[in-house]
């Protein structure tokens, strides 16, 4: 990579909240993401759809710094995420830089990943105290407010084993929000749930989309929900964005044959 080809930071009032610039990710001989360019505006909601193995979840995992990139630069909130400035050029980020930048981003996973020995409230309080340095009182007030928001005010003292899958996923959303992120990432958050529990989690995300200023990227197989909630839909195929645009246009009149084939298969299966 030639670091001089990339800006040290993004300038201008219209700078995106997230920018992938020529981002490539490989696993050995397999290229999972191939020179990805993607801008996500502040408060924009993007749904990422596509077949398994197309690179969808890798996009989120790289944003959360769970995966290292091989080429390119990712920017968040105008600053490089994957790199840092040193002597007027960009060099690969160190752990201190990654920790600082990660505080801008919250992620909710397919599997809830709650601490089993902690109550719902304690799960939400842990990171604000340990990472942000909030007092326990501040963290508790913030966490209680968020658990009320996701409809779990009466469950905050329960351990995960006493909660349904949908309730656990709502705790996971509240826990991510407790860090006050600028960007929220949702990775197939309903796919591990029983069908009757999917709606309660989607309702929480719907509330976030309509009532809170958040930039959101969502990998999902819930096509109806993606159409309803998104400002833009990106269809990934073989590590590239094969087609993107307005949800109504993508779902009603896709141009790319691969998009047409994928949506036909998914909608028929549904």
C-alpha atoms as a PDB file:
ATOM      1  CA  UNK A   1       0.000   0.000   0.000  1.00  0.00           C
ATOM      2  CA  UNK A   2       1.183   3.509  -0.818  1.00  0.00           C
ATOM      3  CA  UNK A   3       0.093   5.501   2.220  1.00  0.00           C
ATOM      4  CA  UNK A   4       0.601   8.798   0.419  1.00  0.00           C
ATOM      5  CA  UNK A   5      -2.375   8.029  -1.802  1.00  0.00           C
ATOM      6  CA  UNK A   6      -4.797   8.392   1.125  1.00  0.00           C
ATOM      7  CA  UNK A   7      -5.853  11.562   3.000  1.00  0.00           C
ATOM      8  CA  UNK A   8      -4.723  11.939   6.604  1.00  0.00           C
ATOM      9  CA  UNK A   9      -8.307  12.796   7.510  1.00  0.00           C
ATOM     10  CA  UNK A  10     -11.554  13.594   5.717  1.00  0.00           C
ATOM     11  CA  UNK A  11     -12.307  17.274   5.173  1.00  0.00           C
ATOM     12  CA  UNK A  12     -15.476  19.209   4.366  1.00  0.00           C
ATOM     13  CA  UNK A  13     -18.950  19.573   5.811  1.00  0.00           C
ATOM     14  CA  UNK A  14     -20.197  16.706   3.661  1.00  0.00           C
ATOM     15  CA  UNK A  15     -17.563  14.191   4.806  1.00  0.00           C
ATOM     16  CA  UNK A  16     -19.187  10.787   5.416  1.00  0.00           C
ATOM     17  CA  UNK A  17     -19.407   9.199   8.852  1.00  0.00           C
ATOM     18  CA  UNK A  18     -17.816   6.026   7.426  1.00  0.00           C
ATOM     19  CA  UNK A  19     -15.631   5.645   4.359  1.00  0.00           C
ATOM     20  CA  UNK A  20     -14.116   2.460   2.926  1.00  0.00           C
ATOM     21  CA  UNK A  21     -11.430   3.486   0.458  1.00  0.00           C
ATOM     22  CA  UNK A  22     -10.033   0.715  -1.739  1.00  0.00           C
ATOM     23  CA  UNK A  23     -10.376  -1.779   1.132  1.00  0.00           C
ATOM     24  CA  UNK A  24      -9.278  -5.351   0.430  1.00  0.00           C
ATOM     25  CA  UNK A  25      -9.399  -8.363   2.722  1.00  0.00           C
ATOM     26  CA  UNK A  26      -7.831 -11.718   1.893  1.00  0.00           C
ATOM     27  CA  UNK A  27      -7.650 -15.077   3.614  1.00  0.00           C
ATOM     28  CA  UNK A  28      -4.730 -16.743   1.889  1.00  0.00           C
ATOM     29  CA  UNK A  29      -5.656 -17.104  -1.771  1.00  0.00           C
ATOM     30  CA  UNK A  30      -9.285 -16.126  -1.137  1.00  0.00           C
ATOM     31  CA  UNK A  31     -10.185 -12.445  -1.609  1.00  0.00           C
ATOM     32  CA  UNK A  32     -13.203 -11.788   0.615  1.00  0.00           C
ATOM     33  CA  UNK A  33     -13.467  -8.064  -0.096  1.00  0.00           C
ATOM     34  CA  UNK A  34     -12.070  -6.698  -3.323  1.00  0.00           C
ATOM     35  CA  UNK A  35     -11.101  -2.980  -3.414  1.00  0.00           C
ATOM     36  CA  UNK A  36     -14.283  -1.874  -1.631  1.00  0.00           C
ATOM     37  CA  UNK A  37     -15.279   1.790  -1.902  1.00  0.00           C
ATOM     38  CA  UNK A  38     -18.275   2.723   0.250  1.00  0.00           C
ATOM     39  CA  UNK A  39     -19.366   5.983   1.885  1.00  0.00           C
ATOM     40  CA  UNK A  40     -21.969   6.034   4.648  1.00  0.00           C
ATOM     41  CA  UNK A  41     -23.390   9.457   5.459  1.00  0.00           C
ATOM     42  CA  UNK A  42     -24.072  10.625   9.002  1.00  0.00           C
ATOM     43  CA  UNK A  43     -27.397   9.180  10.224  1.00  0.00           C
ATOM     44  CA  UNK A  44     -27.729   7.036   7.099  1.00  0.00           C
ATOM     45  CA  UNK A  45     -29.150   3.510   7.478  1.00  0.00           C
ATOM     46  CA  UNK A  46     -27.711   0.959   5.078  1.00  0.00           C
ATOM     47  CA  UNK A  47     -28.792  -2.650   4.747  1.00  0.00           C
ATOM     48  CA  UNK A  48     -26.236  -5.077   3.339  1.00  0.00           C
ATOM     49  CA  UNK A  49     -27.677  -8.111   1.601  1.00  0.00           C
ATOM     50  CA  UNK A  50     -26.238 -10.930  -0.473  1.00  0.00           C
ATOM     51  CA  UNK A  51     -25.462 -14.652  -0.494  1.00  0.00           C
ATOM     52  CA  UNK A  52     -23.308 -16.352   2.123  1.00  0.00           C
ATOM     53  CA  UNK A  53     -19.617 -15.772   1.562  1.00  0.00           C
ATOM     54  CA  UNK A  54     -20.097 -12.494  -0.311  1.00  0.00           C
ATOM     55  CA  UNK A  55     -18.209 -10.418   2.285  1.00  0.00           C
ATOM     56  CA  UNK A  56     -21.164  -8.865   4.143  1.00  0.00           C
ATOM     57  CA  UNK A  57     -20.191  -9.709   7.715  1.00  0.00           C
ATOM     58  CA  UNK A  58     -16.516  -9.013   6.974  1.00  0.00           C
ATOM     59  CA  UNK A  59     -17.460  -5.372   6.318  1.00  0.00           C
ATOM     60  CA  UNK A  60     -18.866  -5.083   9.846  1.00  0.00           C
ATOM     61  CA  UNK A  61     -16.048  -7.032  11.488  1.00  0.00           C
ATOM     62  CA  UNK A  62     -13.430  -4.770   9.894  1.00  0.00           C
ATOM     63  CA  UNK A  63     -15.298  -1.691  11.090  1.00  0.00           C
ATOM     64  CA  UNK A  64     -15.330  -3.150  14.606  1.00  0.00           C
ATOM     65  CA  UNK A  65     -11.559  -3.844  14.210  1.00  0.00           C
ATOM     66  CA  UNK A  66     -12.173  -7.569  14.724  1.00  0.00           C
ATOM     67  CA  UNK A  67     -10.521  -8.217  11.349  1.00  0.00           C
ATOM     68  CA  UNK A  68      -7.461  -6.485   9.923  1.00  0.00           C
ATOM     69  CA  UNK A  69      -7.581  -5.189   6.370  1.00  0.00           C
ATOM     70  CA  UNK A  70      -4.876  -5.960   3.809  1.00  0.00           C
ATOM     71  CA  UNK A  71      -5.110  -2.841   1.633  1.00  0.00           C
ATOM     72  CA  UNK A  72      -6.851   0.515   1.659  1.00  0.00           C
ATOM     73  CA  UNK A  73      -8.041   2.671   4.549  1.00  0.00           C
ATOM     74  CA  UNK A  74     -11.244   2.834   6.595  1.00  0.00           C
ATOM     75  CA  UNK A  75     -12.284   6.198   8.053  1.00  0.00           C
ATOM     76  CA  UNK A  76     -14.788   6.764  10.858  1.00  0.00           C
ATOM     77  CA  UNK A  77     -15.980  10.196  11.952  1.00  0.00           C
ATOM     78  CA  UNK A  78     -13.407  11.802   9.572  1.00  0.00           C
ATOM     79  CA  UNK A  79     -10.417  10.011  11.151  1.00  0.00           C
ATOM     80  CA  UNK A  80      -8.599   6.941   9.833  1.00  0.00           C
ATOM     81  CA  UNK A  81      -9.684   3.851  11.764  1.00  0.00           C
ATOM     82  CA  UNK A  82      -7.220   1.334  10.399  1.00  0.00           C
ATOM     83  CA  UNK A  83      -4.305   3.785  10.338  1.00  0.00           C
ATOM     84  CA  UNK A  84      -2.936   6.725  12.283  1.00  0.00           C
ATOM     85  CA  UNK A  85      -0.936   9.770  11.308  1.00  0.00           C
ATOM     86  CA  UNK A  86       2.783   9.682  12.001  1.00  0.00           C
ATOM     87  CA  UNK A  87       5.163  12.267  10.593  1.00  0.00           C
ATOM     88  CA  UNK A  88       2.689  13.487   8.000  1.00  0.00           C
ATOM     89  CA  UNK A  89       1.889  10.038   6.579  1.00  0.00           C
ATOM     90  CA  UNK A  90      -0.468   7.209   7.450  1.00  0.00           C
ATOM     91  CA  UNK A  91       0.930   4.158   9.196  1.00  0.00           C
ATOM     92  CA  UNK A  92      -0.937   1.104  10.461  1.00  0.00           C
ATOM     93  CA  UNK A  93      -2.894   1.767  13.658  1.00  0.00           C
ATOM     94  CA  UNK A  94      -1.549   0.583  16.994  1.00  0.00           C
ATOM     95  CA  UNK A  95      -3.727  -0.884  19.740  1.00  0.00           C
ATOM     96  CA  UNK A  96      -4.121   2.440  21.571  1.00  0.00           C
ATOM     97  CA  UNK A  97      -5.468   4.089  18.407  1.00  0.00           C
ATOM     98  CA  UNK A  98      -7.811   1.166  17.701  1.00  0.00           C
ATOM     99  CA  UNK A  99      -9.210   1.279  21.246  1.00  0.00           C
ATOM    100  CA  UNK A 100      -9.887   5.003  20.976  1.00  0.00           C
ATOM    101  CA  UNK A 101     -11.536   4.724  17.573  1.00  0.00           C
ATOM    102  CA  UNK A 102     -13.542   1.647  18.563  1.00  0.00           C
ATOM    103  CA  UNK A 103     -15.417   3.791  21.093  1.00  0.00           C
ATOM    104  CA  UNK A 104     -17.265   5.401  18.159  1.00  0.00           C
ATOM    105  CA  UNK A 105     -18.722   2.043  17.094  1.00  0.00           C
ATOM    106  CA  UNK A 106     -21.210  -0.376  18.626  1.00  0.00           C
ATOM    107  CA  UNK A 107     -21.931  -3.841  17.284  1.00  0.00           C
ATOM    108  CA  UNK A 108     -24.706  -6.343  17.954  1.00  0.00           C
ATOM    109  CA  UNK A 109     -23.875  -9.885  16.901  1.00  0.00           C
ATOM    110  CA  UNK A 110     -25.941 -12.811  15.667  1.00  0.00           C
ATOM    111  CA  UNK A 111     -25.283 -14.565  18.988  1.00  0.00           C
ATOM    112  CA  UNK A 112     -25.869 -12.398  22.004  1.00  0.00           C
ATOM    113  CA  UNK A 113     -22.468 -12.777  23.716  1.00  0.00           C
ATOM    114  CA  UNK A 114     -23.791 -11.607  27.078  1.00  0.00           C
ATOM    115  CA  UNK A 115     -21.800 -12.301  30.240  1.00  0.00           C
ATOM    116  CA  UNK A 116     -23.753 -15.196  31.811  1.00  0.00           C
ATOM    117  CA  UNK A 117     -22.712 -14.366  35.386  1.00  0.00           C
ATOM    118  CA  UNK A 118     -23.992 -10.767  35.142  1.00  0.00           C
ATOM    119  CA  UNK A 119     -27.537  -9.457  35.199  1.00  0.00           C
ATOM    120  CA  UNK A 120     -28.922  -7.533  32.227  1.00  0.00           C
ATOM    121  CA  UNK A 121     -28.144  -4.291  34.042  1.00  0.00           C
ATOM    122  CA  UNK A 122     -24.591  -5.361  34.911  1.00  0.00           C
ATOM    123  CA  UNK A 123     -23.987  -6.418  31.300  1.00  0.00           C
ATOM    124  CA  UNK A 124     -24.897  -2.909  30.152  1.00  0.00           C
ATOM    125  CA  UNK A 125     -22.871  -1.148  32.872  1.00  0.00           C
ATOM    126  CA  UNK A 126     -19.618  -3.055  32.442  1.00  0.00           C
ATOM    127  CA  UNK A 127     -18.100  -1.327  29.392  1.00  0.00           C
ATOM    128  CA  UNK A 128     -19.095   2.265  30.288  1.00  0.00           C
ATOM    129  CA  UNK A 129     -17.355   1.809  33.660  1.00  0.00           C
ATOM    130  CA  UNK A 130     -14.309  -0.115  32.422  1.00  0.00           C
ATOM    131  CA  UNK A 131     -13.763   1.610  29.066  1.00  0.00           C
ATOM    132  CA  UNK A 132     -15.333   5.070  29.337  1.00  0.00           C
ATOM    133  CA  UNK A 133     -14.499   5.552  33.009  1.00  0.00           C
ATOM    134  CA  UNK A 134     -18.057   6.400  34.051  1.00  0.00           C
ATOM    135  CA  UNK A 135     -18.925   6.152  37.710  1.00  0.00           C
ATOM    136  CA  UNK A 136     -21.100   3.201  38.637  1.00  0.00           C
ATOM    137  CA  UNK A 137     -23.939   5.619  39.377  1.00  0.00           C
ATOM    138  CA  UNK A 138     -23.706   7.240  35.926  1.00  0.00           C
ATOM    139  CA  UNK A 139     -23.405   3.877  34.197  1.00  0.00           C
ATOM    140  CA  UNK A 140     -26.383   2.492  36.118  1.00  0.00           C
ATOM    141  CA  UNK A 141     -28.591   5.481  35.248  1.00  0.00           C
ATOM    142  CA  UNK A 142     -27.638   5.244  31.570  1.00  0.00           C
ATOM    143  CA  UNK A 143     -28.133   1.465  31.470  1.00  0.00           C
ATOM    144  CA  UNK A 144     -31.492   1.572  33.242  1.00  0.00           C
ATOM    145  CA  UNK A 145     -32.723   4.177  30.752  1.00  0.00           C
ATOM    146  CA  UNK A 146     -31.627   2.053  27.801  1.00  0.00           C
ATOM    147  CA  UNK A 147     -33.126  -1.154  29.182  1.00  0.00           C
ATOM    148  CA  UNK A 148     -36.404   0.718  29.644  1.00  0.00           C
ATOM    149  CA  UNK A 149     -36.132   1.898  26.030  1.00  0.00           C
ATOM    150  CA  UNK A 150     -35.782  -1.671  24.714  1.00  0.00           C
ATOM    151  CA  UNK A 151     -38.743  -2.797  26.832  1.00  0.00           C
ATOM    152  CA  UNK A 152     -36.839  -4.624  29.566  1.00  0.00           C
ATOM    153  CA  UNK A 153     -37.329  -2.357  32.558  1.00  0.00           C
ATOM    154  CA  UNK A 154     -38.802  -5.273  34.488  1.00  0.00           C
ATOM    155  CA  UNK A 155     -36.007  -7.686  33.542  1.00  0.00           C
ATOM    156  CA  UNK A 156     -32.884  -5.668  34.327  1.00  0.00           C
ATOM    157  CA  UNK A 157     -31.973  -7.749  37.393  1.00  0.00           C
ATOM    158  CA  UNK A 158     -32.365 -11.078  35.591  1.00  0.00           C
ATOM    159  CA  UNK A 159     -29.422 -13.134  34.372  1.00  0.00           C
ATOM    160  CA  UNK A 160     -29.290 -14.087  30.660  1.00  0.00           C
ATOM    161  CA  UNK A 161     -30.306 -17.693  31.407  1.00  0.00           C
ATOM    162  CA  UNK A 162     -33.668 -16.376  32.664  1.00  0.00           C
ATOM    163  CA  UNK A 163     -34.330 -14.383  29.469  1.00  0.00           C
ATOM    164  CA  UNK A 164     -35.691 -15.450  26.103  1.00  0.00           C
ATOM    165  CA  UNK A 165     -33.519 -15.145  22.997  1.00  0.00           C
ATOM    166  CA  UNK A 166     -35.342 -12.006  21.941  1.00  0.00           C
ATOM    167  CA  UNK A 167     -34.879 -10.469  25.375  1.00  0.00           C
ATOM    168  CA  UNK A 168     -31.175 -11.350  25.375  1.00  0.00           C
ATOM    169  CA  UNK A 169     -30.750  -9.717  21.972  1.00  0.00           C
ATOM    170  CA  UNK A 170     -32.477  -6.575  23.240  1.00  0.00           C
ATOM    171  CA  UNK A 171     -30.060  -6.507  26.196  1.00  0.00           C
ATOM    172  CA  UNK A 172     -27.211  -6.790  23.689  1.00  0.00           C
ATOM    173  CA  UNK A 173     -28.585  -3.770  21.798  1.00  0.00           C
ATOM    174  CA  UNK A 174     -28.889  -1.758  25.021  1.00  0.00           C
ATOM    175  CA  UNK A 175     -25.344  -2.772  25.977  1.00  0.00           C
ATOM    176  CA  UNK A 176     -23.965  -1.516  22.661  1.00  0.00           C
ATOM    177  CA  UNK A 177     -25.906   1.758  22.971  1.00  0.00           C
ATOM    178  CA  UNK A 178     -24.550   2.317  26.484  1.00  0.00           C
ATOM    179  CA  UNK A 179     -21.226   3.256  24.901  1.00  0.00           C
ATOM    180  CA  UNK A 180     -22.956   6.128  23.037  1.00  0.00           C
ATOM    181  CA  UNK A 181     -21.565   5.105  19.639  1.00  0.00           C
ATOM    182  CA  UNK A 182     -21.807   7.206  16.482  1.00  0.00           C
ATOM    183  CA  UNK A 183     -22.174   4.077  14.345  1.00  0.00           C
ATOM    184  CA  UNK A 184     -24.205   0.949  15.122  1.00  0.00           C
ATOM    185  CA  UNK A 185     -23.557  -2.353  13.370  1.00  0.00           C
ATOM    186  CA  UNK A 186     -26.096  -5.195  13.309  1.00  0.00           C
ATOM    187  CA  UNK A 187     -24.943  -8.594  12.079  1.00  0.00           C
ATOM    188  CA  UNK A 188     -27.897 -10.897  11.346  1.00  0.00           C
ATOM    189  CA  UNK A 189     -29.312 -10.055  14.763  1.00  0.00           C
ATOM    190  CA  UNK A 190     -32.519 -12.045  14.239  1.00  0.00           C
ATOM    191  CA  UNK A 191     -31.141 -15.185  12.596  1.00  0.00           C
ATOM    192  CA  UNK A 192     -30.577 -17.058  15.877  1.00  0.00           C
ATOM    193  CA  UNK A 193     -34.083 -16.271  17.151  1.00  0.00           C
ATOM    194  CA  UNK A 194     -37.276 -18.255  17.012  1.00  0.00           C
ATOM    195  CA  UNK A 195     -39.619 -16.701  14.426  1.00  0.00           C
ATOM    196  CA  UNK A 196     -42.066 -15.386  17.035  1.00  0.00           C
ATOM    197  CA  UNK A 197     -39.260 -13.405  18.725  1.00  0.00           C
ATOM    198  CA  UNK A 198     -37.957 -11.689  15.604  1.00  0.00           C
ATOM    199  CA  UNK A 199     -40.534  -8.915  15.698  1.00  0.00           C
ATOM    200  CA  UNK A 200     -39.622  -7.645  19.147  1.00  0.00           C
ATOM    201  CA  UNK A 201     -35.975  -7.147  18.144  1.00  0.00           C
ATOM    202  CA  UNK A 202     -36.889  -5.516  14.826  1.00  0.00           C
ATOM    203  CA  UNK A 203     -39.194  -3.139  16.708  1.00  0.00           C
ATOM    204  CA  UNK A 204     -36.262  -1.953  18.832  1.00  0.00           C
ATOM    205  CA  UNK A 205     -34.130  -1.335  15.735  1.00  0.00           C
ATOM    206  CA  UNK A 206     -37.105   0.449  14.151  1.00  0.00           C
ATOM    207  CA  UNK A 207     -37.265   2.743  17.188  1.00  0.00           C
ATOM    208  CA  UNK A 208     -33.543   3.469  16.935  1.00  0.00           C
ATOM    209  CA  UNK A 209     -33.930   4.330  13.272  1.00  0.00           C
ATOM    210  CA  UNK A 210     -36.824   6.719  13.758  1.00  0.00           C
ATOM    211  CA  UNK A 211     -36.066   8.354  17.105  1.00  0.00           C
ATOM    212  CA  UNK A 212     -32.268   8.461  17.473  1.00  0.00           C
ATOM    213  CA  UNK A 213     -29.494  10.026  15.444  1.00  0.00           C
ATOM    214  CA  UNK A 214     -27.414   6.982  14.581  1.00  0.00           C
ATOM    215  CA  UNK A 215     -25.533   5.847  11.528  1.00  0.00           C
ATOM    216  CA  UNK A 216     -26.437   2.181  11.048  1.00  0.00           C
ATOM    217  CA  UNK A 217     -25.122  -0.672   8.925  1.00  0.00           C
ATOM    218  CA  UNK A 218     -27.195  -3.823   9.047  1.00  0.00           C
ATOM    219  CA  UNK A 219     -26.441  -7.218   7.524  1.00  0.00           C
ATOM    220  CA  UNK A 220     -29.794  -8.953   7.267  1.00  0.00           C
ATOM    221  CA  UNK A 221     -31.907 -11.578   5.539  1.00  0.00           C
ATOM    222  CA  UNK A 222     -35.083  -9.793   6.640  1.00  0.00           C
ATOM    223  CA  UNK A 223     -35.850  -8.298   3.229  1.00  0.00           C
ATOM    224  CA  UNK A 224     -39.151  -6.668   4.147  1.00  0.00           C
ATOM    225  CA  UNK A 225     -37.548  -4.965   7.117  1.00  0.00           C
ATOM    226  CA  UNK A 226     -34.549  -3.854   5.041  1.00  0.00           C
ATOM    227  CA  UNK A 227     -36.897  -2.311   2.513  1.00  0.00           C
ATOM    228  CA  UNK A 228     -38.856  -0.497   5.211  1.00  0.00           C
ATOM    229  CA  UNK A 229     -36.043   0.851   7.358  1.00  0.00           C
ATOM    230  CA  UNK A 230     -33.117   1.549   5.025  1.00  0.00           C
ATOM    231  CA  UNK A 231     -32.089   4.658   3.184  1.00  0.00           C
ATOM    232  CA  UNK A 232     -29.960   2.498   0.904  1.00  0.00           C
ATOM    233  CA  UNK A 233     -29.492  -1.200   0.181  1.00  0.00           C
ATOM    234  CA  UNK A 234     -26.156  -2.663  -0.955  1.00  0.00           C
ATOM    235  CA  UNK A 235     -26.121  -6.062  -2.626  1.00  0.00           C
ATOM    236  CA  UNK A 236     -22.763  -7.809  -2.199  1.00  0.00           C
ATOM    237  CA  UNK A 237     -21.544 -10.536  -4.508  1.00  0.00           C
ATOM    238  CA  UNK A 238     -18.069 -12.099  -4.520  1.00  0.00           C
ATOM    239  CA  UNK A 239     -16.497  -9.370  -2.392  1.00  0.00           C
ATOM    240  CA  UNK A 240     -17.874  -6.414  -4.328  1.00  0.00           C
ATOM    241  CA  UNK A 241     -20.980  -4.235  -4.286  1.00  0.00           C
ATOM    242  CA  UNK A 242     -22.768  -5.561  -7.347  1.00  0.00           C
ATOM    243  CA  UNK A 243     -25.675  -3.138  -6.999  1.00  0.00           C
ATOM    244  CA  UNK A 244     -26.813  -0.449  -4.574  1.00  0.00           C
ATOM    245  CA  UNK A 245     -29.561   2.112  -4.387  1.00  0.00           C
ATOM    246  CA  UNK A 246     -32.950   3.097  -3.023  1.00  0.00           C
ATOM    247  CA  UNK A 247     -34.671   0.128  -1.312  1.00  0.00           C
ATOM    248  CA  UNK A 248     -37.803   0.462  -3.419  1.00  0.00           C
ATOM    249  CA  UNK A 249     -35.764   0.375  -6.613  1.00  0.00           C
ATOM    250  CA  UNK A 250     -33.506  -2.502  -5.510  1.00  0.00           C
ATOM    251  CA  UNK A 251     -36.385  -4.710  -4.392  1.00  0.00           C
ATOM    252  CA  UNK A 252     -38.867  -3.794  -7.128  1.00  0.00           C
ATOM    253  CA  UNK A 253     -36.617  -3.301 -10.118  1.00  0.00           C
ATOM    254  CA  UNK A 254     -33.082  -4.678  -9.609  1.00  0.00           C
ATOM    255  CA  UNK A 255     -30.828  -4.177 -12.621  1.00  0.00           C
ATOM    256  CA  UNK A 256     -28.028  -6.655 -11.942  1.00  0.00           C
ATOM    257  CA  UNK A 257     -28.835 -10.282 -12.899  1.00  0.00           C
ATOM    258  CA  UNK A 258     -27.145 -11.508  -9.709  1.00  0.00           C
ATOM    259  CA  UNK A 259     -29.375  -9.241  -7.596  1.00  0.00           C
ATOM    260  CA  UNK A 260     -32.427 -10.445  -9.479  1.00  0.00           C
ATOM    261  CA  UNK A 261     -31.454 -14.088  -8.946  1.00  0.00           C
ATOM    262  CA  UNK A 262     -30.713 -13.596  -5.236  1.00  0.00           C
ATOM    263  CA  UNK A 263     -33.920 -11.715  -4.465  1.00  0.00           C
ATOM    264  CA  UNK A 264     -36.019 -14.170  -6.428  1.00  0.00           C
ATOM    265  CA  UNK A 265     -34.562 -17.071  -4.420  1.00  0.00           C
ATOM    266  CA  UNK A 266     -34.875 -15.317  -1.045  1.00  0.00           C
ATOM    267  CA  UNK A 267     -38.379 -14.007  -1.595  1.00  0.00           C
ATOM    268  CA  UNK A 268     -39.627 -17.347  -2.902  1.00  0.00           C
ATOM    269  CA  UNK A 269     -38.112 -19.106   0.123  1.00  0.00           C
ATOM    270  CA  UNK A 270     -39.797 -16.608   2.421  1.00  0.00           C
END
